[in-house]
Amino acid sequence: MEPVTISILAPLLIPYAVKTVKGAARTVPCWINAATQIINIFRLPLVSLGLPFALVGYVVGNIAKGTMAPFLFVKEVLCLPLYFFGMA
């Protein structure tokens, strides 16, 4: 595009750019929750660290969090369009 055309259209596009940034900012909680679930997936291998030392409560907690994390991750990713359009 020509610089003149860009300078004429830029003021018209500013409200749409602001709206887009606001929509993207709404998705931040979803991304944080999804990242947390990815980190929780790595709790499953921690089971082998606590079991030899008889840390049964620690092991059971990691098994529960590590097993549920992939499902919660999928839920967060599927809810991402809802956050983006402001329906969640």
C-alpha atoms as a PDB file:
ATOM      1  CA  MET A   1       0.000   0.000   0.000  1.00  0.00           C
ATOM      2  CA  GLU A   2       1.048   3.544  -0.549  1.00  0.00           C
ATOM      3  CA  PRO A   3       2.071   5.702   2.415  1.00  0.00           C
ATOM      4  CA  VAL A   4      -0.709   8.182   1.677  1.00  0.00           C
ATOM      5  CA  THR A   5      -3.343   5.446   1.772  1.00  0.00           C
ATOM      6  CA  ILE A   6      -1.949   4.105   5.018  1.00  0.00           C
ATOM      7  CA  SER A   7      -1.962   7.553   6.617  1.00  0.00           C
ATOM      8  CA  ILE A   8      -5.591   8.066   5.590  1.00  0.00           C
ATOM      9  CA  LEU A   9      -6.800   4.653   6.784  1.00  0.00           C
ATOM     10  CA  ALA A  10      -4.794   4.492  10.022  1.00  0.00           C
ATOM     11  CA  PRO A  11      -7.170   6.689  12.086  1.00  0.00           C
ATOM     12  CA  LEU A  12     -10.097   4.566  10.916  1.00  0.00           C
ATOM     13  CA  LEU A  13      -8.423   1.332  12.000  1.00  0.00           C
ATOM     14  CA  ILE A  14      -7.423   2.422  15.518  1.00  0.00           C
ATOM     15  CA  PRO A  15     -10.776   1.468  17.149  1.00  0.00           C
ATOM     16  CA  TYR A  16     -10.570  -2.012  15.606  1.00  0.00           C
ATOM     17  CA  ALA A  17      -7.006  -2.438  16.810  1.00  0.00           C
ATOM     18  CA  VAL A  18      -8.025  -1.463  20.354  1.00  0.00           C
ATOM     19  CA  LYS A  19     -10.942  -3.891  20.223  1.00  0.00           C
ATOM     20  CA  THR A  20      -8.614  -6.670  19.084  1.00  0.00           C
ATOM     21  CA  VAL A  21      -6.145  -6.009  21.884  1.00  0.00           C
ATOM     22  CA  LYS A  22      -8.965  -6.051  24.442  1.00  0.00           C
ATOM     23  CA  GLY A  23     -10.222  -9.348  23.030  1.00  0.00           C
ATOM     24  CA  ALA A  24      -6.755 -10.858  23.184  1.00  0.00           C
ATOM     25  CA  ALA A  25      -6.297  -9.620  26.758  1.00  0.00           C
ATOM     26  CA  ARG A  26      -9.430 -11.534  27.772  1.00  0.00           C
ATOM     27  CA  THR A  27      -7.715 -14.790  26.824  1.00  0.00           C
ATOM     28  CA  VAL A  28      -4.798 -14.307  29.239  1.00  0.00           C
ATOM     29  CA  PRO A  29      -6.451 -16.184  32.164  1.00  0.00           C
ATOM     30  CA  CYS A  30      -7.122 -19.121  29.863  1.00  0.00           C
ATOM     31  CA  TRP A  31      -3.502 -19.235  28.719  1.00  0.00           C
ATOM     32  CA  ILE A  32      -2.271 -19.077  32.316  1.00  0.00           C
ATOM     33  CA  ASN A  33      -4.553 -21.950  33.326  1.00  0.00           C
ATOM     34  CA  ALA A  34      -3.454 -24.002  30.317  1.00  0.00           C
ATOM     35  CA  ALA A  35       0.218 -23.420  31.158  1.00  0.00           C
ATOM     36  CA  THR A  36      -0.439 -24.482  34.748  1.00  0.00           C
ATOM     37  CA  GLN A  37      -1.991 -27.729  33.531  1.00  0.00           C
ATOM     38  CA  ILE A  38       1.004 -28.433  31.291  1.00  0.00           C
ATOM     39  CA  ILE A  39       3.258 -28.013  34.324  1.00  0.00           C
ATOM     40  CA  ASN A  40       0.989 -30.338  36.316  1.00  0.00           C
ATOM     41  CA  ILE A  41       1.375 -33.035  33.644  1.00  0.00           C
ATOM     42  CA  PHE A  42       5.022 -33.280  34.698  1.00  0.00           C
ATOM     43  CA  ARG A  43       3.948 -34.229  38.229  1.00  0.00           C
ATOM     44  CA  LEU A  44       3.246 -37.771  37.091  1.00  0.00           C
ATOM     45  CA  PRO A  45       6.940 -38.778  36.816  1.00  0.00           C
ATOM     46  CA  LEU A  46       7.454 -37.402  40.345  1.00  0.00           C
ATOM     47  CA  VAL A  47       5.608 -40.472  41.611  1.00  0.00           C
ATOM     48  CA  SER A  48       8.735 -42.564  41.179  1.00  0.00           C
ATOM     49  CA  LEU A  49      10.719 -40.108  43.339  1.00  0.00           C
ATOM     50  CA  GLY A  50       8.454 -40.209  46.377  1.00  0.00           C
ATOM     51  CA  LEU A  51       7.480 -43.872  46.406  1.00  0.00           C
ATOM     52  CA  PRO A  52      10.800 -45.338  47.616  1.00  0.00           C
ATOM     53  CA  PHE A  53      10.824 -42.906  50.538  1.00  0.00           C
ATOM     54  CA  ALA A  54       7.303 -43.826  51.723  1.00  0.00           C
ATOM     55  CA  LEU A  55       5.858 -40.400  50.954  1.00  0.00           C
ATOM     56  CA  VAL A  56       2.455 -41.880  50.163  1.00  0.00           C
ATOM     57  CA  GLY A  57       0.489 -38.631  50.526  1.00  0.00           C
ATOM     58  CA  TYR A  58       2.881 -36.829  48.220  1.00  0.00           C
ATOM     59  CA  VAL A  59       2.683 -39.641  45.674  1.00  0.00           C
ATOM     60  CA  VAL A  60      -1.116 -39.833  45.728  1.00  0.00           C
ATOM     61  CA  GLY A  61      -1.379 -36.049  45.264  1.00  0.00           C
ATOM     62  CA  ASN A  62       0.965 -36.143  42.279  1.00  0.00           C
ATOM     63  CA  ILE A  63      -0.908 -39.079  40.746  1.00  0.00           C
ATOM     64  CA  ALA A  64      -4.212 -37.199  41.053  1.00  0.00           C
ATOM     65  CA  LYS A  65      -2.877 -33.905  39.673  1.00  0.00           C
ATOM     66  CA  GLY A  66      -0.838 -35.559  36.929  1.00  0.00           C
ATOM     67  CA  THR A  67      -3.747 -37.724  35.787  1.00  0.00           C
ATOM     68  CA  MET A  68      -6.290 -34.892  35.670  1.00  0.00           C
ATOM     69  CA  ALA A  69      -3.949 -32.330  34.066  1.00  0.00           C
ATOM     70  CA  PRO A  70      -4.309 -33.455  30.406  1.00  0.00           C
ATOM     71  CA  PHE A  71      -8.105 -33.338  30.646  1.00  0.00           C
ATOM     72  CA  LEU A  72      -8.078 -29.921  32.291  1.00  0.00           C
ATOM     73  CA  PHE A  73      -5.626 -28.709  29.642  1.00  0.00           C
ATOM     74  CA  VAL A  74      -7.984 -29.797  26.858  1.00  0.00           C
ATOM     75  CA  LYS A  75     -10.877 -28.063  28.634  1.00  0.00           C
ATOM     76  CA  GLU A  76      -8.915 -24.814  28.854  1.00  0.00           C
ATOM     77  CA  VAL A  77      -7.880 -24.956  25.196  1.00  0.00           C
ATOM     78  CA  LEU A  78     -11.460 -25.667  24.102  1.00  0.00           C
ATOM     79  CA  CYS A  79     -12.690 -22.707  26.174  1.00  0.00           C
ATOM     80  CA  LEU A  80     -10.193 -20.372  24.503  1.00  0.00           C
ATOM     81  CA  PRO A  81     -12.606 -19.249  21.728  1.00  0.00           C
ATOM     82  CA  LEU A  82     -15.216 -18.496  24.391  1.00  0.00           C
ATOM     83  CA  TYR A  83     -12.765 -16.277  26.223  1.00  0.00           C
ATOM     84  CA  PHE A  84     -11.752 -14.618  22.960  1.00  0.00           C
ATOM     85  CA  PHE A  85     -15.302 -13.647  22.067  1.00  0.00           C
ATOM     86  CA  GLY A  86     -16.175 -12.677  25.654  1.00  0.00           C
ATOM     87  CA  MET A  87     -18.698 -15.468  26.266  1.00  0.00           C
ATOM     88  CA  ALA A  88     -16.906 -17.016  29.262  1.00  0.00           C
END
